[in-house]
Amino acid sequence: MSSVTGASFTDETPGPEGEPPLRGDRASTGRLGDRLFGGMTRLAGGVVLAIVVLVGVFLVVRAIPALRANHADFFTSTEWSTSPLKFGIVQLLWTTVATSVIALVIAVPFSIAIALFLGFYAPRWLAQPAAAIIDLLAAVPSIVYGLWGAYIVAPQFAHVQSWIQDAFGWIPLFGRVPGISGGTTIFFVGVVLAIMILPIITALSREVFAQTPMTQREGAIALGATKWEMLRTTVLPFGRPGVISASMLGLGRALGETIAVMLILSTLPQGANWSWSLFNGGSTFASNIAANAPESISDTRQMGAYIAAGLVLFILTFVVNAIARIIIERRKAFSE
């Protein structure tokens, strides 16, 4: 038996019987199956990237004729008329972003609290059924939430809206808007969207929190930390990137939600005065396209106006995802 003293270690990996050893990366890519699998994954990634690029090119090409014929400023106008072509995205952008931000502000704290409760406080007999129910809520169709919000919750929420306006009506964001009834406003749509995205954020956050290394959790307890101190110093920092990812996934659903918004939100009549109030009506990009798609098909330029709105939503989604990626990468850099 040879001595290990003075022995040298290499990155060689023994090859199949009768074949020379493999070196470095060849150990994982030298076999036919590995090469095929690697090629398939690269092909799949390339196909997805090509589809995204083609969708973007299609939107740009089809939107250009309408943008050239537009008689209003596309980026600053609050009008939306396709006959004649006078359309801008300010109202659509504000409504889309406002409803999504309201949903995120409401849903994220509740989701984190529910995830921590189910993972670290609730007894097993309660945690498992509750987690299963939350997972099922994520699969409920949006039209169900829309009908529930429009016909069940909206009449009750009108009283909450009146109280908010009485207390904070002097703030422009909560100002009164004539002709817009309670329960059909931007703020209420944000509340319904928060309920829609809460199961997604909760389920993903719970899974991320459960992956916290047991050594860190037990170490904090051994040092005398309470359960909340353990969660605050180990679980929450470890799961922060995952919570951000889950929040961005929920935000993506809120940005593109269509049916629930169409059922609940009051549309502004042609020529109505627009304001920044969260208790105003309006349309999001998705609901505006869905509500007017049939009439836009008859004319190429009219269709181009809605395609231009879809292009802005397409870019907005990319911007949100890019910001999320930057935040997550910075968190990882600080945590390493």
Protein backbone atom coordinates (compact mmCIF):
# COMPACT_ATOMS: atom_id res chain seq x y z
CA MET A 1 0.00 0.00 0.00
CA SER A 2 1.48 3.32 -1.03
CA SER A 3 1.83 6.11 1.46
CA VAL A 4 -0.29 9.24 1.16
CA THR A 5 2.67 11.39 2.21
CA GLY A 6 3.77 13.56 -0.66
CA ALA A 7 0.94 12.38 -2.89
CA SER A 8 -0.37 14.86 -5.44
CA PHE A 9 -4.02 15.40 -6.19
CA THR A 10 -5.26 16.26 -9.66
CA ASP A 11 -8.62 17.10 -11.18
CA GLU A 12 -8.58 13.88 -13.17
CA THR A 13 -11.70 11.74 -12.97
CA PRO A 14 -11.41 8.03 -13.77
CA GLY A 15 -13.04 7.32 -17.12
CA PRO A 16 -15.05 4.25 -18.11
CA GLU A 17 -13.18 0.97 -18.19
CA GLY A 18 -10.68 0.91 -21.02
CA GLU A 19 -10.86 4.70 -21.56
CA PRO A 20 -8.44 7.42 -20.38
CA PRO A 21 -9.38 9.56 -17.39
CA LEU A 22 -11.34 12.75 -17.96
CA ARG A 23 -9.93 16.12 -17.00
CA GLY A 24 -11.70 19.22 -15.68
CA ASP A 25 -14.96 20.06 -17.39
CA ARG A 26 -14.68 17.03 -19.67
CA ALA A 27 -15.65 14.92 -16.67
CA SER A 28 -19.16 16.34 -16.89
CA THR A 29 -19.44 17.04 -20.62
CA GLY A 30 -17.52 14.22 -22.24
CA ARG A 31 -20.40 11.79 -22.42
CA LEU A 32 -22.98 11.90 -25.17
CA GLY A 33 -25.90 12.23 -22.74
CA ASP A 34 -24.27 15.23 -21.03
CA ARG A 35 -23.62 16.93 -24.36
CA LEU A 36 -27.20 16.32 -25.51
CA PHE A 37 -28.66 17.63 -22.28
CA GLY A 38 -26.43 20.72 -22.35
CA GLY A 39 -27.39 21.39 -25.95
CA MET A 40 -31.11 21.03 -25.18
CA THR A 41 -30.92 23.47 -22.27
CA ARG A 42 -29.06 26.03 -24.39
CA LEU A 43 -31.61 25.56 -27.17
CA ALA A 44 -34.52 26.03 -24.76
CA GLY A 45 -32.97 29.21 -23.38
CA GLY A 46 -32.35 30.52 -26.88
CA VAL A 47 -35.91 29.79 -27.97
CA VAL A 48 -37.36 31.66 -24.98
CA LEU A 49 -35.08 34.63 -25.62
CA ALA A 50 -35.99 34.63 -29.32
CA ILE A 51 -39.73 34.57 -28.53
CA VAL A 52 -39.37 37.55 -26.19
CA VAL A 53 -37.40 39.50 -28.79
CA LEU A 54 -39.91 38.67 -31.53
CA VAL A 55 -42.82 39.79 -29.33
CA GLY A 56 -41.04 43.09 -28.67
CA VAL A 57 -40.30 43.59 -32.37
CA PHE A 58 -43.92 42.82 -33.28
CA LEU A 59 -45.23 45.36 -30.77
CA VAL A 60 -42.86 48.07 -31.98
CA VAL A 61 -43.60 47.50 -35.68
CA ARG A 62 -47.38 47.46 -35.23
CA ALA A 63 -47.40 50.47 -32.89
CA ILE A 64 -45.32 52.83 -35.05
CA PRO A 65 -48.07 53.73 -37.60
CA ALA A 66 -50.51 54.68 -34.83
CA LEU A 67 -47.87 56.67 -32.96
CA ARG A 68 -47.07 58.63 -36.13
CA ALA A 69 -50.75 59.43 -36.71
CA ASN A 70 -51.36 60.33 -33.06
CA HIS A 71 -52.57 63.92 -32.54
CA ALA A 72 -51.73 63.97 -28.82
CA ASP A 73 -48.52 63.52 -26.86
CA PHE A 74 -48.25 59.82 -26.16
CA PHE A 75 -46.25 60.28 -22.93
CA THR A 76 -48.03 63.29 -21.37
CA SER A 77 -51.64 63.22 -22.53
CA THR A 78 -54.45 61.81 -20.38
CA GLU A 79 -56.80 61.45 -23.36
CA TRP A 80 -57.60 58.13 -24.95
CA SER A 81 -59.51 58.30 -28.20
CA THR A 82 -58.97 56.15 -31.27
CA SER A 83 -61.42 58.05 -33.47
CA PRO A 84 -59.71 60.42 -34.12
CA LEU A 85 -56.36 59.15 -32.89
CA LYS A 86 -55.63 61.18 -29.77
CA PHE A 87 -54.21 58.93 -27.08
CA GLY A 88 -51.72 59.13 -24.23
CA ILE A 89 -50.60 56.77 -21.47
CA VAL A 90 -50.56 58.99 -18.37
CA GLN A 91 -53.94 57.85 -17.05
CA LEU A 92 -53.33 54.20 -17.93
CA LEU A 93 -49.84 54.22 -16.44
CA TRP A 94 -50.98 55.89 -13.24
CA THR A 95 -53.89 53.48 -12.74
CA THR A 96 -51.76 50.41 -13.48
CA VAL A 97 -48.91 51.42 -11.20
CA ALA A 98 -51.17 52.74 -8.41
CA THR A 99 -53.31 49.62 -8.16
CA SER A 100 -50.23 47.36 -8.25
CA VAL A 101 -48.32 49.35 -5.62
CA ILE A 102 -51.35 49.43 -3.31
CA ALA A 103 -51.68 45.67 -3.71
CA LEU A 104 -48.00 45.13 -2.92
CA VAL A 105 -47.98 47.45 0.10
CA ILE A 106 -50.95 45.59 1.60
CA ALA A 107 -50.04 42.03 0.61
CA VAL A 108 -46.33 41.80 1.46
CA PRO A 109 -46.53 42.48 5.25
CA PHE A 110 -49.50 40.14 5.64
CA SER A 111 -47.78 37.47 3.55
CA ILE A 112 -44.60 37.60 5.63
CA ALA A 113 -46.59 37.47 8.87
CA ILE A 114 -48.66 34.50 7.69
CA ALA A 115 -45.56 32.67 6.44
CA LEU A 116 -43.77 33.15 9.76
CA PHE A 117 -46.85 32.08 11.72
CA LEU A 118 -47.34 28.90 9.71
CA GLY A 119 -43.65 28.05 9.74
CA PHE A 120 -42.67 28.80 13.33
CA TYR A 121 -45.66 29.46 15.58
CA ALA A 122 -48.66 27.42 14.43
CA PRO A 123 -49.00 23.80 15.63
CA ARG A 124 -48.56 21.11 13.01
CA TRP A 125 -52.27 20.20 12.97
CA LEU A 126 -53.07 23.78 11.96
CA ALA A 127 -50.03 24.69 9.85
CA GLN A 128 -50.35 21.94 7.24
CA PRO A 129 -54.08 22.40 6.41
CA ALA A 130 -53.71 26.18 6.42
CA ALA A 131 -50.72 26.02 4.07
CA ALA A 132 -52.67 23.74 1.72
CA ILE A 133 -55.62 26.15 1.69
CA ILE A 134 -53.34 29.10 0.91
CA ASP A 135 -51.78 27.15 -1.96
CA LEU A 136 -55.27 26.44 -3.32
CA LEU A 137 -56.22 30.12 -3.10
CA ALA A 138 -53.39 30.90 -5.50
CA ALA A 139 -55.19 28.83 -8.16
CA VAL A 140 -58.56 30.62 -7.86
CA PRO A 141 -59.41 32.29 -11.22
CA SER A 142 -59.27 36.06 -11.25
CA ILE A 143 -62.89 36.33 -12.39
CA VAL A 144 -63.98 34.80 -9.09
CA TYR A 145 -62.09 37.47 -7.16
CA GLY A 146 -63.58 40.11 -9.44
CA LEU A 147 -67.17 38.97 -8.92
CA TRP A 148 -66.62 38.58 -5.18
CA GLY A 149 -65.09 42.04 -4.92
CA ALA A 150 -67.69 43.77 -7.11
CA TYR A 151 -70.83 42.29 -5.57
CA ILE A 152 -69.90 41.28 -2.01
CA VAL A 153 -67.09 43.49 -0.74
CA ALA A 154 -67.61 46.72 -2.70
CA PRO A 155 -70.84 47.81 -0.92
CA GLN A 156 -69.17 47.34 2.47
CA PHE A 157 -65.93 49.01 1.40
CA ALA A 158 -67.85 52.14 0.43
CA HIS A 159 -68.14 52.97 4.16
CA VAL A 160 -64.39 52.56 4.63
CA GLN A 161 -63.76 54.81 1.66
CA SER A 162 -66.06 57.49 3.07
CA TRP A 163 -64.21 57.40 6.39
CA ILE A 164 -60.81 57.73 4.67
CA GLN A 165 -62.04 60.65 2.58
CA ASP A 166 -63.50 62.40 5.64
CA ALA A 167 -60.24 62.01 7.54
CA PHE A 168 -57.70 62.55 4.77
CA GLY A 169 -59.68 64.21 1.98
CA TRP A 170 -57.42 67.28 2.15
CA ILE A 171 -54.63 65.15 0.66
CA PRO A 172 -54.87 65.07 -3.17
CA LEU A 173 -54.35 61.28 -3.26
CA PHE A 174 -57.53 60.80 -1.21
CA GLY A 175 -59.63 63.58 -2.69
CA ARG A 176 -63.27 63.12 -3.62
CA VAL A 177 -64.19 62.58 -7.25
CA PRO A 178 -67.76 63.39 -8.35
CA GLY A 179 -69.60 60.61 -10.13
CA ILE A 180 -67.37 57.78 -8.87
CA SER A 181 -69.17 55.53 -6.39
CA GLY A 182 -67.50 53.75 -3.50
CA GLY A 183 -66.12 50.30 -4.20
CA THR A 184 -65.34 51.03 -7.86
CA THR A 185 -62.13 53.03 -7.36
CA ILE A 186 -58.42 52.54 -7.88
CA PHE A 187 -57.90 52.06 -4.16
CA PHE A 188 -60.46 49.27 -3.90
CA VAL A 189 -59.05 47.51 -6.95
CA GLY A 190 -55.67 47.58 -5.20
CA VAL A 191 -57.22 45.91 -2.15
CA VAL A 192 -58.74 43.14 -4.28
CA LEU A 193 -55.43 42.65 -6.12
CA ALA A 194 -53.69 42.39 -2.74
CA ILE A 195 -55.98 39.50 -1.82
CA MET A 196 -55.24 37.89 -5.18
CA ILE A 197 -51.45 38.01 -4.88
CA LEU A 198 -51.27 37.29 -1.14
CA PRO A 199 -51.40 33.45 -1.56
CA ILE A 200 -48.54 33.51 -4.08
CA ILE A 201 -46.24 35.62 -1.91
CA THR A 202 -47.18 33.69 1.24
CA ALA A 203 -46.54 30.26 -0.27
CA LEU A 204 -43.15 31.20 -1.71
CA SER A 205 -42.05 33.08 1.41
CA ARG A 206 -42.97 30.13 3.61
CA GLU A 207 -40.85 27.79 1.48
CA VAL A 208 -37.89 30.19 1.59
CA PHE A 209 -38.10 30.69 5.35
CA ALA A 210 -38.16 26.92 5.85
CA GLN A 211 -34.78 26.66 4.07
CA THR A 212 -32.99 28.69 6.75
CA PRO A 213 -30.07 26.54 8.03
CA MET A 214 -30.96 24.83 11.28
CA THR A 215 -27.50 25.58 12.67
CA GLN A 216 -28.16 29.33 12.46
CA ARG A 217 -31.56 29.05 14.10
CA GLU A 218 -30.34 26.79 16.90
CA GLY A 219 -27.24 28.93 17.36
CA ALA A 220 -29.37 32.04 17.93
CA ILE A 221 -31.52 30.19 20.46
CA ALA A 222 -28.42 28.84 22.21
CA LEU A 223 -27.11 32.40 22.59
CA GLY A 224 -30.27 33.33 24.48
CA ALA A 225 -32.38 34.84 21.71
CA THR A 226 -36.14 34.63 21.93
CA LYS A 227 -38.09 33.11 19.05
CA TRP A 228 -38.83 36.53 17.57
CA GLU A 229 -35.18 37.59 17.92
CA MET A 230 -34.15 34.35 16.21
CA LEU A 231 -36.54 35.06 13.35
CA ARG A 232 -35.39 38.67 13.06
CA THR A 233 -31.66 37.87 13.05
CA THR A 234 -31.57 34.62 11.05
CA VAL A 235 -34.77 33.73 9.18
CA LEU A 236 -35.73 37.14 7.82
CA PRO A 237 -32.22 38.06 6.55
CA PHE A 238 -31.82 34.62 4.98
CA GLY A 239 -35.21 34.77 3.27
CA ARG A 240 -35.08 38.41 2.14
CA PRO A 241 -34.02 37.66 -1.47
CA GLY A 242 -36.74 35.03 -1.74
CA VAL A 243 -39.38 37.40 -0.37
CA ILE A 244 -38.32 40.04 -2.90
CA SER A 245 -38.60 37.49 -5.70
CA ALA A 246 -42.03 36.39 -4.49
CA SER A 247 -43.16 40.01 -4.25
CA MET A 248 -42.03 40.73 -7.79
CA LEU A 249 -43.91 37.65 -8.99
CA GLY A 250 -47.04 38.92 -7.28
CA LEU A 251 -46.44 42.39 -8.69
CA GLY A 252 -46.24 40.90 -12.17
CA ARG A 253 -49.66 39.35 -11.73
CA ALA A 254 -51.08 42.61 -10.41
CA LEU A 255 -49.67 44.61 -13.33
CA GLY A 256 -51.25 42.30 -15.90
CA GLU A 257 -54.57 41.60 -14.19
CA THR A 258 -57.51 42.17 -16.52
CA ILE A 259 -60.85 40.56 -15.65
CA ALA A 260 -61.05 41.60 -12.00
CA VAL A 261 -60.14 45.19 -12.89
CA MET A 262 -62.77 45.31 -15.66
CA LEU A 263 -65.48 44.05 -13.30
CA ILE A 264 -64.69 46.47 -10.48
CA LEU A 265 -63.08 49.69 -11.70
CA SER A 266 -65.27 52.52 -12.96
CA THR A 267 -64.18 53.70 -16.40
CA LEU A 268 -63.87 57.42 -16.94
CA PRO A 269 -66.35 58.82 -19.48
CA GLN A 270 -64.96 60.53 -22.59
CA GLY A 271 -63.86 64.05 -21.71
CA ALA A 272 -64.10 63.57 -17.94
CA ASN A 273 -61.66 65.43 -15.73
CA TRP A 274 -58.82 63.21 -14.59
CA SER A 275 -57.10 63.54 -11.22
CA TRP A 276 -54.40 61.86 -9.16
CA SER A 277 -56.88 60.69 -6.53
CA LEU A 278 -56.83 57.02 -5.57
CA PHE A 279 -60.61 57.22 -5.27
CA ASN A 280 -60.99 57.97 -8.95
CA GLY A 281 -61.90 55.57 -11.73
CA GLY A 282 -59.88 54.74 -14.81
CA SER A 283 -58.40 51.84 -16.74
CA THR A 284 -55.20 49.87 -16.57
CA PHE A 285 -53.24 48.91 -19.66
CA ALA A 286 -54.58 45.38 -19.60
CA SER A 287 -58.22 46.26 -18.89
CA ASN A 288 -58.23 49.01 -21.54
CA ILE A 289 -56.92 46.63 -24.20
CA ALA A 290 -59.34 43.87 -23.24
CA ALA A 291 -62.37 46.14 -23.06
CA ASN A 292 -61.76 47.72 -26.47
CA ALA A 293 -60.07 44.95 -28.43
CA PRO A 294 -63.14 43.98 -30.53
CA GLU A 295 -63.66 47.51 -31.88
CA SER A 296 -59.95 48.04 -32.51
CA ILE A 297 -59.66 45.07 -34.88
CA SER A 298 -61.56 46.85 -37.68
CA ASP A 299 -58.87 49.48 -38.24
CA THR A 300 -55.11 48.96 -38.31
CA ARG A 301 -54.26 52.32 -36.75
CA GLN A 302 -56.85 51.93 -34.00
CA MET A 303 -55.38 48.53 -33.25
CA GLY A 304 -51.94 50.13 -33.22
CA ALA A 305 -52.99 52.45 -30.39
CA TYR A 306 -53.80 49.49 -28.15
CA ILE A 307 -50.66 47.67 -29.27
CA ALA A 308 -48.68 50.77 -28.24
CA ALA A 309 -50.28 50.52 -24.80
CA GLY A 310 -49.33 46.84 -24.70
CA LEU A 311 -45.75 47.79 -25.60
CA VAL A 312 -45.56 50.12 -22.61
CA LEU A 313 -46.86 47.35 -20.34
CA PHE A 314 -44.30 45.00 -21.89
CA ILE A 315 -41.47 47.45 -21.11
CA LEU A 316 -42.84 48.16 -17.63
CA THR A 317 -42.75 44.47 -16.78
CA PHE A 318 -39.15 44.23 -17.93
CA VAL A 319 -38.17 47.26 -15.84
CA VAL A 320 -39.79 45.78 -12.72
CA ASN A 321 -38.03 42.46 -13.22
CA ALA A 322 -34.69 44.16 -13.84
CA ILE A 323 -35.01 46.20 -10.64
CA ALA A 324 -35.88 43.05 -8.71
CA ARG A 325 -32.81 41.26 -10.10
CA ILE A 326 -30.56 44.17 -9.11
CA ILE A 327 -31.95 44.24 -5.57
CA ILE A 328 -31.57 40.48 -5.16
CA GLU A 329 -27.98 40.48 -6.44
CA ARG A 330 -27.04 43.29 -4.06
CA ARG A 331 -28.60 41.44 -1.14
CA LYS A 332 -26.61 38.34 -2.05
CA ALA A 333 -23.40 40.36 -2.26
CA PHE A 334 -23.93 41.80 1.21
CA SER A 335 -24.90 38.44 2.72
CA GLU A 336 -21.84 36.56 1.41
